[in-house]
C-alpha atoms as a PDB file:
ATOM      1  CA  MET A   1       0.000   0.000   0.000  1.00  0.00           C
ATOM      2  CA  LEU A   2       1.477   3.327  -1.050  1.00  0.00           C
ATOM      3  CA  THR A   3       0.650   6.683   0.503  1.00  0.00           C
ATOM      4  CA  ALA A   4       2.196  10.132   0.413  1.00  0.00           C
ATOM      5  CA  GLY A   5       5.390  10.480   2.431  1.00  0.00           C
ATOM      6  CA  GLN A   6       3.933  12.952   4.904  1.00  0.00           C
ATOM      7  CA  ARG A   7       0.885  10.794   5.728  1.00  0.00           C
ATOM      8  CA  GLY A   8       0.767   8.970   9.036  1.00  0.00           C
ATOM      9  CA  ASP A   9       0.784   5.187   9.270  1.00  0.00           C
ATOM     10  CA  SER A  10      -2.101   4.823  11.712  1.00  0.00           C
ATOM     11  CA  PRO A  11      -4.891   5.707   9.218  1.00  0.00           C
ATOM     12  CA  GLN A  12      -3.696   2.778   7.070  1.00  0.00           C
ATOM     13  CA  PHE A  13      -3.979   0.288   9.957  1.00  0.00           C
ATOM     14  CA  LYS A  14      -7.448  -1.051   9.052  1.00  0.00           C
ATOM     15  CA  PRO A  15      -6.970  -1.167   5.247  1.00  0.00           C
ATOM     16  CA  VAL A  16      -3.732  -3.119   5.661  1.00  0.00           C
ATOM     17  CA  LEU A  17      -5.352  -5.641   8.016  1.00  0.00           C
ATOM     18  CA  GLU A  18      -8.341  -6.028   5.685  1.00  0.00           C
ATOM     19  CA  ALA A  19      -5.976  -6.780   2.787  1.00  0.00           C
ATOM     20  CA  ILE A  20      -4.283  -9.702   4.581  1.00  0.00           C
ATOM     21  CA  ARG A  21      -4.613 -13.037   2.798  1.00  0.00           C
ATOM     22  CA  VAL A  22      -2.621 -15.958   4.207  1.00  0.00           C
ATOM     23  CA  PRO A  23      -2.722 -19.057   1.980  1.00  0.00           C
ATOM     24  CA  ARG A  24      -3.610 -22.309   3.693  1.00  0.00           C
ATOM     25  CA  LEU A  25      -1.578 -25.452   3.238  1.00  0.00           C
ATOM     26  CA  GLY A  26      -3.449 -27.609   0.782  1.00  0.00           C
ATOM     27  CA  ARG A  27      -6.992 -26.636  -0.141  1.00  0.00           C
ATOM     28  CA  GLY A  28      -9.248 -23.969   1.247  1.00  0.00           C
ATOM     29  CA  ARG A  29      -9.665 -20.267   1.047  1.00  0.00           C
ATOM     30  CA  PRO A  30      -6.975 -18.014   2.506  1.00  0.00           C
ATOM     31  CA  ARG A  31      -7.121 -16.814   6.098  1.00  0.00           C
ATOM     32  CA  ARG A  32      -8.191 -13.202   6.455  1.00  0.00           C
ATOM     33  CA  ARG A  33      -7.747 -12.791  10.195  1.00  0.00           C
ATOM     34  CA  PRO A  34      -4.394 -13.045  11.957  1.00  0.00           C
ATOM     35  CA  ASP A  35      -4.277 -14.559  15.449  1.00  0.00           C
ATOM     36  CA  ARG A  36      -2.371 -11.594  16.867  1.00  0.00           C
ATOM     37  CA  VAL A  37      -1.235  -8.120  15.814  1.00  0.00           C
ATOM     38  CA  THR A  38       1.915  -6.546  17.202  1.00  0.00           C
ATOM     39  CA  ALA A  39       2.431  -2.849  16.528  1.00  0.00           C
ATOM     40  CA  ASP A  40       4.326   0.105  17.962  1.00  0.00           C
ATOM     41  CA  LYS A  41       2.961   2.932  20.124  1.00  0.00           C
ATOM     42  CA  ALA A  42       1.897   5.004  17.118  1.00  0.00           C
ATOM     43  CA  TYR A  43      -0.988   2.568  16.521  1.00  0.00           C
ATOM     44  CA  ASP A  44      -2.385   2.856  20.062  1.00  0.00           C
ATOM     45  CA  SER A  45      -5.875   4.306  19.653  1.00  0.00           C
ATOM     46  CA  ARG A  46      -9.371   3.449  20.792  1.00  0.00           C
ATOM     47  CA  GLY A  47     -10.435   2.938  17.190  1.00  0.00           C
ATOM     48  CA  ASN A  48      -7.633   0.508  16.350  1.00  0.00           C
ATOM     49  CA  ARG A  49      -8.097  -1.467  19.562  1.00  0.00           C
ATOM     50  CA  ALA A  50     -11.897  -1.621  19.101  1.00  0.00           C
ATOM     51  CA  TYR A  51     -11.450  -2.785  15.502  1.00  0.00           C
ATOM     52  CA  LEU A  52      -9.156  -5.616  16.601  1.00  0.00           C
ATOM     53  CA  ARG A  53     -11.481  -6.571  19.451  1.00  0.00           C
ATOM     54  CA  ARG A  54     -14.482  -6.755  17.061  1.00  0.00           C
ATOM     55  CA  ARG A  55     -12.536  -9.059  14.750  1.00  0.00           C
ATOM     56  CA  GLY A  56     -11.369 -11.266  17.642  1.00  0.00           C
ATOM     57  CA  ILE A  57      -7.695 -10.474  17.106  1.00  0.00           C
ATOM     58  CA  LYS A  58      -5.339 -10.422  20.084  1.00  0.00           C
ATOM     59  CA  VAL A  59      -3.338  -7.229  20.348  1.00  0.00           C
ATOM     60  CA  ALA A  60       0.157  -6.350  21.536  1.00  0.00           C
ATOM     61  CA  ILE A  61       0.447  -2.559  21.265  1.00  0.00           C
ATOM     62  CA  PRO A  62       2.376  -0.725  23.996  1.00  0.00           C
ATOM     63  CA  VAL A  63       0.712   2.257  25.635  1.00  0.00           C
ATOM     64  CA  PRO A  64       2.523   5.600  25.266  1.00  0.00           C
ATOM     65  CA  ALA A  65       3.823   6.840  28.615  1.00  0.00           C
ATOM     66  CA  ASP A  66       2.277  10.277  28.113  1.00  0.00           C
ATOM     67  CA  ARG A  67      -1.258   9.142  27.225  1.00  0.00           C
ATOM     68  CA  ASP A  68      -2.734   9.877  30.673  1.00  0.00           C
ATOM     69  CA  ARG A  69      -1.020  13.260  30.807  1.00  0.00           C
ATOM     70  CA  ASN A  70      -2.556  14.227  27.480  1.00  0.00           C
ATOM     71  CA  GLY A  71      -6.094  13.868  28.803  1.00  0.00           C
ATOM     72  CA  HIS A  72      -6.846  10.402  27.464  1.00  0.00           C
ATOM     73  CA  LYS A  73      -8.788   7.964  29.584  1.00  0.00           C
ATOM     74  CA  PRO A  74      -7.323   4.480  30.115  1.00  0.00           C
ATOM     75  CA  LEU A  75      -8.387   1.966  27.467  1.00  0.00           C
END
């Protein structure tokens, strides 16, 4: 997926996950849902976490140390 150089990565989080196709060994349609997603702090948002929760995907995204200081409620 290509975007302009000054665009952030986080808005592309959902489109990239929706484009995942993992071929199965042998027959069958490809998997579209990973078991787990690991990402850096830039992807920590309520929207991204809710999206993963709805799809039943386990998440490993660290929480930025300054989130509480910036007025965000704990997730």
